[in-house]
C-alpha cells in the first residue's frame, strides 16, 4: 500500500534586504501499511533537513504499484 505525505518546509531565501521565509510544499510517496507509519518514515527521512518542516497531511494513495525496470 502507498501513502502520500505532504510536507511544508520553511526555507530562508536571500532578498536584497536580507532574508525572507518562503513556504514550500513537497509531496512524498511512501510504501507501508498505515498512515502513522508513513508519517514516521518521512520524519525520519527528513530529520537532517536544513529547513524547518511540518507534515501537513497523510492519505492513502490511489497508486497501486511503482514499476521500476531500471
PDB file of N, CA and C in Angstrom:
ATOM      1  N   UNK A   1       0.842  -1.169   0.000  1.00  0.00           N
ATOM      2  CA  UNK A   1       0.000   0.000   0.000  1.00  0.00           C
ATOM      3  C   UNK A   1       0.896   1.244   0.000  1.00  0.00           C
ATOM      4  N   UNK A   2       0.439   2.294  -0.699  1.00  0.00           N
ATOM      5  CA  UNK A   2       1.212   3.527  -0.766  1.00  0.00           C
ATOM      6  C   UNK A   2       0.436   4.664  -0.112  1.00  0.00           C
ATOM      7  N   UNK A   3       1.188   5.573   0.512  1.00  0.00           N
ATOM      8  CA  UNK A   3       0.605   6.749   1.141  1.00  0.00           C
ATOM      9  C   UNK A   3       1.305   7.989   0.621  1.00  0.00           C
ATOM     10  N   UNK A   4       0.519   9.045   0.418  1.00  0.00           N
ATOM     11  CA  UNK A   4       1.072  10.337   0.046  1.00  0.00           C
ATOM     12  C   UNK A   4       1.211  11.170   1.319  1.00  0.00           C
ATOM     13  N   UNK A   5       2.362  11.799   1.444  1.00  0.00           N
ATOM     14  CA  UNK A   5       2.638  12.627   2.614  1.00  0.00           C
ATOM     15  C   UNK A   5       3.038  14.015   2.122  1.00  0.00           C
ATOM     16  N   UNK A   6       2.286  15.036   2.531  1.00  0.00           N
ATOM     17  CA  UNK A   6       2.659  16.396   2.152  1.00  0.00           C
ATOM     18  C   UNK A   6       3.378  17.064   3.314  1.00  0.00           C
ATOM     19  N   UNK A   7       4.528  17.665   2.984  1.00  0.00           N
ATOM     20  CA  UNK A   7       5.358  18.312   3.985  1.00  0.00           C
ATOM     21  C   UNK A   7       5.508  19.784   3.608  1.00  0.00           C
ATOM     22  N   UNK A   8       5.370  20.657   4.591  1.00  0.00           N
ATOM     23  CA  UNK A   8       5.564  22.085   4.406  1.00  0.00           C
ATOM     24  C   UNK A   8       6.921  22.464   4.979  1.00  0.00           C
ATOM     25  N   UNK A   9       7.787  22.979   4.122  1.00  0.00           N
ATOM     26  CA  UNK A   9       9.114  23.435   4.542  1.00  0.00           C
ATOM     27  C   UNK A   9       9.099  24.949   4.675  1.00  0.00           C
ATOM     28  N   UNK A  10       9.827  25.464   5.648  1.00  0.00           N
ATOM     29  CA  UNK A  10      10.037  26.899   5.787  1.00  0.00           C
ATOM     30  C   UNK A  10      11.500  27.140   5.418  1.00  0.00           C
ATOM     31  N   UNK A  11      11.702  27.669   4.204  1.00  0.00           N
ATOM     32  CA  UNK A  11      13.050  27.899   3.697  1.00  0.00           C
ATOM     33  C   UNK A  11      13.377  29.385   3.771  1.00  0.00           C
ATOM     34  N   UNK A  12      14.634  29.694   4.021  1.00  0.00           N
ATOM     35  CA  UNK A  12      15.083  31.081   4.015  1.00  0.00           C
ATOM     36  C   UNK A  12      15.725  31.365   2.672  1.00  0.00           C
ATOM     37  N   UNK A  13      15.253  32.412   2.011  1.00  0.00           N
ATOM     38  CA  UNK A  13      15.803  32.799   0.716  1.00  0.00           C
ATOM     39  C   UNK A  13      16.386  34.203   0.822  1.00  0.00           C
ATOM     40  N   UNK A  14      17.433  34.440   0.054  1.00  0.00           N
ATOM     41  CA  UNK A  14      18.083  35.739   0.058  1.00  0.00           C
ATOM     42  C   UNK A  14      17.281  36.737  -0.773  1.00  0.00           C
ATOM     43  N   UNK A  15      17.070  37.915  -0.211  1.00  0.00           N
ATOM     44  CA  UNK A  15      16.477  39.044  -0.927  1.00  0.00           C
ATOM     45  C   UNK A  15      17.403  40.224  -0.740  1.00  0.00           C
ATOM     46  N   UNK A  16      17.178  41.298  -1.469  1.00  0.00           N
ATOM     47  CA  UNK A  16      18.135  42.405  -1.412  1.00  0.00           C
ATOM     48  C   UNK A  16      18.233  43.044  -0.030  1.00  0.00           C
ATOM     49  N   UNK A  17      17.218  42.898   0.800  1.00  0.00           N
ATOM     50  CA  UNK A  17      17.245  43.475   2.158  1.00  0.00           C
ATOM     51  C   UNK A  17      17.563  42.447   3.233  1.00  0.00           C
ATOM     52  N   UNK A  18      18.109  41.292   2.865  1.00  0.00           N
ATOM     53  CA  UNK A  18      18.432  40.260   3.849  1.00  0.00           C
ATOM     54  C   UNK A  18      17.869  38.922   3.453  1.00  0.00           C
ATOM     55  N   UNK A  19      17.083  38.320   4.365  1.00  0.00           N
ATOM     56  CA  UNK A  19      16.479  37.025   4.070  1.00  0.00           C
ATOM     57  C   UNK A  19      14.972  37.099   4.281  1.00  0.00           C
ATOM     58  N   UNK A  20      14.284  36.167   3.645  1.00  0.00           N
ATOM     59  CA  UNK A  20      12.829  36.087   3.727  1.00  0.00           C
ATOM     60  C   UNK A  20      12.444  34.623   3.864  1.00  0.00           C
ATOM     61  N   UNK A  21      11.422  34.345   4.651  1.00  0.00           N
ATOM     62  CA  UNK A  21      10.929  32.975   4.774  1.00  0.00           C
ATOM     63  C   UNK A  21      10.025  32.640   3.593  1.00  0.00           C
ATOM     64  N   UNK A  22      10.224  31.470   3.027  1.00  0.00           N
ATOM     65  CA  UNK A  22       9.415  31.007   1.905  1.00  0.00           C
ATOM     66  C   UNK A  22       8.840  29.648   2.276  1.00  0.00           C
ATOM     67  N   UNK A  23       7.535  29.475   2.109  1.00  0.00           N
ATOM     68  CA  UNK A  23       6.885  28.199   2.392  1.00  0.00           C
ATOM     69  C   UNK A  23       6.849  27.371   1.115  1.00  0.00           C
ATOM     70  N   UNK A  24       7.359  26.152   1.204  1.00  0.00           N
ATOM     71  CA  UNK A  24       7.417  25.255   0.058  1.00  0.00           C
ATOM     72  C   UNK A  24       6.762  23.935   0.446  1.00  0.00           C
ATOM     73  N   UNK A  25       5.784  23.487  -0.352  1.00  0.00           N
ATOM     74  CA  UNK A  25       5.122  22.204  -0.106  1.00  0.00           C
ATOM     75  C   UNK A  25       5.724  21.145  -1.022  1.00  0.00           C
ATOM     76  N   UNK A  26       6.039  19.988  -0.439  1.00  0.00           N
ATOM     77  CA  UNK A  26       6.580  18.875  -1.211  1.00  0.00           C
ATOM     78  C   UNK A  26       5.807  17.620  -0.835  1.00  0.00           C
ATOM     79  N   UNK A  27       5.580  16.770  -1.830  1.00  0.00           N
ATOM     80  CA  UNK A  27       4.843  15.523  -1.611  1.00  0.00           C
ATOM     81  C   UNK A  27       5.782  14.330  -1.716  1.00  0.00           C
ATOM     82  N   UNK A  28       5.598  13.369  -0.842  1.00  0.00           N
ATOM     83  CA  UNK A  28       6.395  12.146  -0.813  1.00  0.00           C
ATOM     84  C   UNK A  28       5.455  10.955  -0.918  1.00  0.00           C
ATOM     85  N   UNK A  29       5.903   9.921  -1.609  1.00  0.00           N
ATOM     86  CA  UNK A  29       5.157   8.681  -1.737  1.00  0.00           C
ATOM     87  C   UNK A  29       5.875   7.627  -0.900  1.00  0.00           C
ATOM     88  N   UNK A  30       5.141   7.002   0.009  1.00  0.00           N
ATOM     89  CA  UNK A  30       5.735   6.067   0.960  1.00  0.00           C
ATOM     90  C   UNK A  30       5.017   4.725   0.858  1.00  0.00           C
ATOM     91  N   UNK A  31       5.783   3.646   0.808  1.00  0.00           N
ATOM     92  CA  UNK A  31       5.204   2.310   0.817  1.00  0.00           C
ATOM     93  C   UNK A  31       5.225   1.794   2.252  1.00  0.00           C
ATOM     94  N   UNK A  32       4.037   1.525   2.796  1.00  0.00           N
ATOM     95  CA  UNK A  32       3.921   0.998   4.158  1.00  0.00           C
ATOM     96  C   UNK A  32       2.483   0.550   4.382  1.00  0.00           C
ATOM     97  N   UNK A  33       2.138   0.235   5.636  1.00  0.00           N
ATOM     98  CA  UNK A  33       0.828  -0.336   5.936  1.00  0.00           C
ATOM     99  C   UNK A  33      -0.142   0.591   6.674  1.00  0.00           C
ATOM    100  N   UNK A  34       0.315   1.801   7.066  1.00  0.00           N
ATOM    101  CA  UNK A  34      -0.567   2.680   7.830  1.00  0.00           C
ATOM    102  C   UNK A  34      -0.129   4.136   7.708  1.00  0.00           C
ATOM    103  N   UNK A  35      -1.077   5.051   7.897  1.00  0.00           N
ATOM    104  CA  UNK A  35      -0.779   6.488   7.827  1.00  0.00           C
ATOM    105  C   UNK A  35       0.287   6.892   8.836  1.00  0.00           C
ATOM    106  N   UNK A  36       0.171   6.396  10.041  1.00  0.00           N
ATOM    107  CA  UNK A  36       1.129   6.773  11.088  1.00  0.00           C
ATOM    108  C   UNK A  36       2.537   6.306  10.747  1.00  0.00           C
ATOM    109  N   UNK A  37       2.649   5.137  10.114  1.00  0.00           N
ATOM    110  CA  UNK A  37       3.959   4.626   9.707  1.00  0.00           C
ATOM    111  C   UNK A  37       4.533   5.501   8.599  1.00  0.00           C
ATOM    112  N   UNK A  38       3.692   5.931   7.660  1.00  0.00           N
ATOM    113  CA  UNK A  38       4.144   6.804   6.575  1.00  0.00           C
ATOM    114  C   UNK A  38       4.688   8.114   7.135  1.00  0.00           C
ATOM    115  N   UNK A  39       3.977   8.710   8.069  1.00  0.00           N
ATOM    116  CA  UNK A  39       4.440   9.962   8.673  1.00  0.00           C
ATOM    117  C   UNK A  39       5.765   9.763   9.405  1.00  0.00           C
ATOM    118  N   UNK A  40       5.882   8.687  10.147  1.00  0.00           N
ATOM    119  CA  UNK A  40       7.124   8.399  10.867  1.00  0.00           C
ATOM    120  C   UNK A  40       8.282   8.215   9.904  1.00  0.00           C
ATOM    121  N   UNK A  41       8.065   7.500   8.812  1.00  0.00           N
ATOM    122  CA  UNK A  41       9.132   7.278   7.827  1.00  0.00           C
ATOM    123  C   UNK A  41       9.599   8.591   7.209  1.00  0.00           C
ATOM    124  N   UNK A  42       8.657   9.477   6.880  1.00  0.00           N
ATOM    125  CA  UNK A  42       9.034  10.764   6.287  1.00  0.00           C
ATOM    126  C   UNK A  42       9.775  11.627   7.302  1.00  0.00           C
ATOM    127  N   UNK A  43       9.301  11.661   8.530  1.00  0.00           N
ATOM    128  CA  UNK A  43      10.012  12.439   9.567  1.00  0.00           C
ATOM    129  C   UNK A  43      11.441  11.921   9.747  1.00  0.00           C
ATOM    130  N   UNK A  44      11.621  10.613   9.731  1.00  0.00           N
ATOM    131  CA  UNK A  44      12.959  10.022   9.849  1.00  0.00           C
ATOM    132  C   UNK A  44      13.806  10.381   8.629  1.00  0.00           C
ATOM    133  N   UNK A  45      13.218  10.317   7.438  1.00  0.00           N
ATOM    134  CA  UNK A  45      13.910  10.634   6.186  1.00  0.00           C
ATOM    135  C   UNK A  45      14.417  12.078   6.184  1.00  0.00           C
ATOM    136  N   UNK A  46      13.619  12.981   6.782  1.00  0.00           N
ATOM    137  CA  UNK A  46      13.928  14.411   6.756  1.00  0.00           C
ATOM    138  C   UNK A  46      14.583  14.936   8.031  1.00  0.00           C
ATOM    139  N   UNK A  47      14.952  14.063   8.944  1.00  0.00           N
ATOM    140  CA  UNK A  47      15.430  14.519  10.258  1.00  0.00           C
ATOM    141  C   UNK A  47      16.657  15.426  10.170  1.00  0.00           C
ATOM    142  N   UNK A  48      17.468  15.319   9.137  1.00  0.00           N
ATOM    143  CA  UNK A  48      18.658  16.159   8.994  1.00  0.00           C
ATOM    144  C   UNK A  48      18.450  17.308   8.012  1.00  0.00           C
ATOM    145  N   UNK A  49      17.202  17.619   7.715  1.00  0.00           N
ATOM    146  CA  UNK A  49      16.901  18.708   6.785  1.00  0.00           C
ATOM    147  C   UNK A  49      17.407  20.035   7.346  1.00  0.00           C
ATOM    148  N   UNK A  50      18.011  20.864   6.488  1.00  0.00           N
ATOM    149  CA  UNK A  50      18.466  22.173   6.973  1.00  0.00           C
ATOM    150  C   UNK A  50      17.302  23.145   7.200  1.00  0.00           C
ATOM    151  N   UNK A  51      16.105  22.776   6.779  1.00  0.00           N
ATOM    152  CA  UNK A  51      14.937  23.645   6.909  1.00  0.00           C
ATOM    153  C   UNK A  51      13.939  23.067   7.908  1.00  0.00           C
ATOM    154  N   UNK A  52      13.247  23.965   8.601  1.00  0.00           N
ATOM    155  CA  UNK A  52      12.162  23.537   9.482  1.00  0.00           C
ATOM    156  C   UNK A  52      11.047  22.971   8.600  1.00  0.00           C
ATOM    157  N   UNK A  53      10.359  21.951   9.087  1.00  0.00           N
ATOM    158  CA  UNK A  53       9.275  21.360   8.306  1.00  0.00           C
ATOM    159  C   UNK A  53       8.167  20.867   9.207  1.00  0.00           C
ATOM    160  N   UNK A  54       6.989  20.694   8.595  1.00  0.00           N
ATOM    161  CA  UNK A  54       5.833  20.171   9.301  1.00  0.00           C
ATOM    162  C   UNK A  54       5.057  19.271   8.346  1.00  0.00           C
ATOM    163  N   UNK A  55       4.684  18.105   8.809  1.00  0.00           N
ATOM    164  CA  UNK A  55       3.861  17.207   7.994  1.00  0.00           C
ATOM    165  C   UNK A  55       2.435  17.754   8.017  1.00  0.00           C
ATOM    166  N   UNK A  56       1.903  18.104   6.830  1.00  0.00           N
ATOM    167  CA  UNK A  56       0.577  18.711   6.744  1.00  0.00           C
ATOM    168  C   UNK A  56      -0.530  17.668   6.660  1.00  0.00           C
ATOM    169  N   UNK A  57      -0.328  16.626   5.856  1.00  0.00           N
ATOM    170  CA  UNK A  57      -1.334  15.569   5.769  1.00  0.00           C
ATOM    171  C   UNK A  57      -0.736  14.284   5.226  1.00  0.00           C
ATOM    172  N   UNK A  58      -1.432  13.199   5.532  1.00  0.00           N
ATOM    173  CA  UNK A  58      -1.086  11.867   5.033  1.00  0.00           C
ATOM    174  C   UNK A  58      -2.389  11.236   4.557  1.00  0.00           C
ATOM    175  N   UNK A  59      -2.344  10.669   3.337  1.00  0.00           N
ATOM    176  CA  UNK A  59      -3.545   9.995   2.846  1.00  0.00           C
ATOM    177  C   UNK A  59      -3.144   8.793   2.006  1.00  0.00           C
ATOM    178  N   UNK A  60      -4.047   7.848   1.952  1.00  0.00           N
ATOM    179  CA  UNK A  60      -3.802   6.664   1.142  1.00  0.00           C
ATOM    180  C   UNK A  60      -3.770   7.072  -0.328  1.00  0.00           C
ATOM    181  N   UNK A  61      -2.788   6.577  -1.045  1.00  0.00           N
ATOM    182  CA  UNK A  61      -2.629   6.905  -2.459  1.00  0.00           C
ATOM    183  C   UNK A  61      -3.446   5.970  -3.328  1.00  0.00           C
ATOM    184  N   UNK A  62      -3.846   6.467  -4.489  1.00  0.00           N
ATOM    185  CA  UNK A  62      -4.529   5.630  -5.466  1.00  0.00           C
ATOM    186  C   UNK A  62      -3.533   4.852  -6.303  1.00  0.00           C
ATOM    187  N   UNK A  63      -2.257   5.137  -6.136  1.00  0.00           N
ATOM    188  CA  UNK A  63      -1.210   4.403  -6.866  1.00  0.00           C
ATOM    189  C   UNK A  63      -1.175   2.981  -6.305  1.00  0.00           C
ATOM    190  N   UNK A  64      -1.200   2.013  -7.190  1.00  0.00           N
ATOM    191  CA  UNK A  64      -1.217   0.616  -6.751  1.00  0.00           C
ATOM    192  C   UNK A  64       0.171  -0.030  -6.801  1.00  0.00           C
ATOM    193  N   UNK A  65       1.040   0.489  -7.669  1.00  0.00           N
ATOM    194  CA  UNK A  65       2.365  -0.104  -7.767  1.00  0.00           C
ATOM    195  C   UNK A  65       3.294   0.844  -8.511  1.00  0.00           C
ATOM    196  N   UNK A  66       4.578   0.801  -8.142  1.00  0.00           N
ATOM    197  CA  UNK A  66       5.612   1.565  -8.838  1.00  0.00           C
ATOM    198  C   UNK A  66       6.410   0.577  -9.687  1.00  0.00           C
ATOM    199  N   UNK A  67       6.497   0.862 -10.969  1.00  0.00           N
ATOM    200  CA  UNK A  67       7.222  -0.007 -11.887  1.00  0.00           C
ATOM    201  C   UNK A  67       8.593   0.611 -12.120  1.00  0.00           C
ATOM    202  N   UNK A  68       9.640  -0.146 -11.800  1.00  0.00           N
ATOM    203  CA  UNK A  68      10.998   0.348 -11.964  1.00  0.00           C
ATOM    204  C   UNK A  68      11.799  -0.720 -12.708  1.00  0.00           C
ATOM    205  N   UNK A  69      11.930  -0.543 -13.968  1.00  0.00           N
ATOM    206  CA  UNK A  69      12.649  -1.518 -14.795  1.00  0.00           C
ATOM    207  C   UNK A  69      14.104  -1.132 -15.008  1.00  0.00           C
ATOM    208  N   UNK A  70      14.546  -0.035 -14.376  1.00  0.00           N
ATOM    209  CA  UNK A  70      15.941   0.415 -14.433  1.00  0.00           C
ATOM    210  C   UNK A  70      16.463   0.453 -15.782  1.00  0.00           C
TER     211      UNK A  70
END
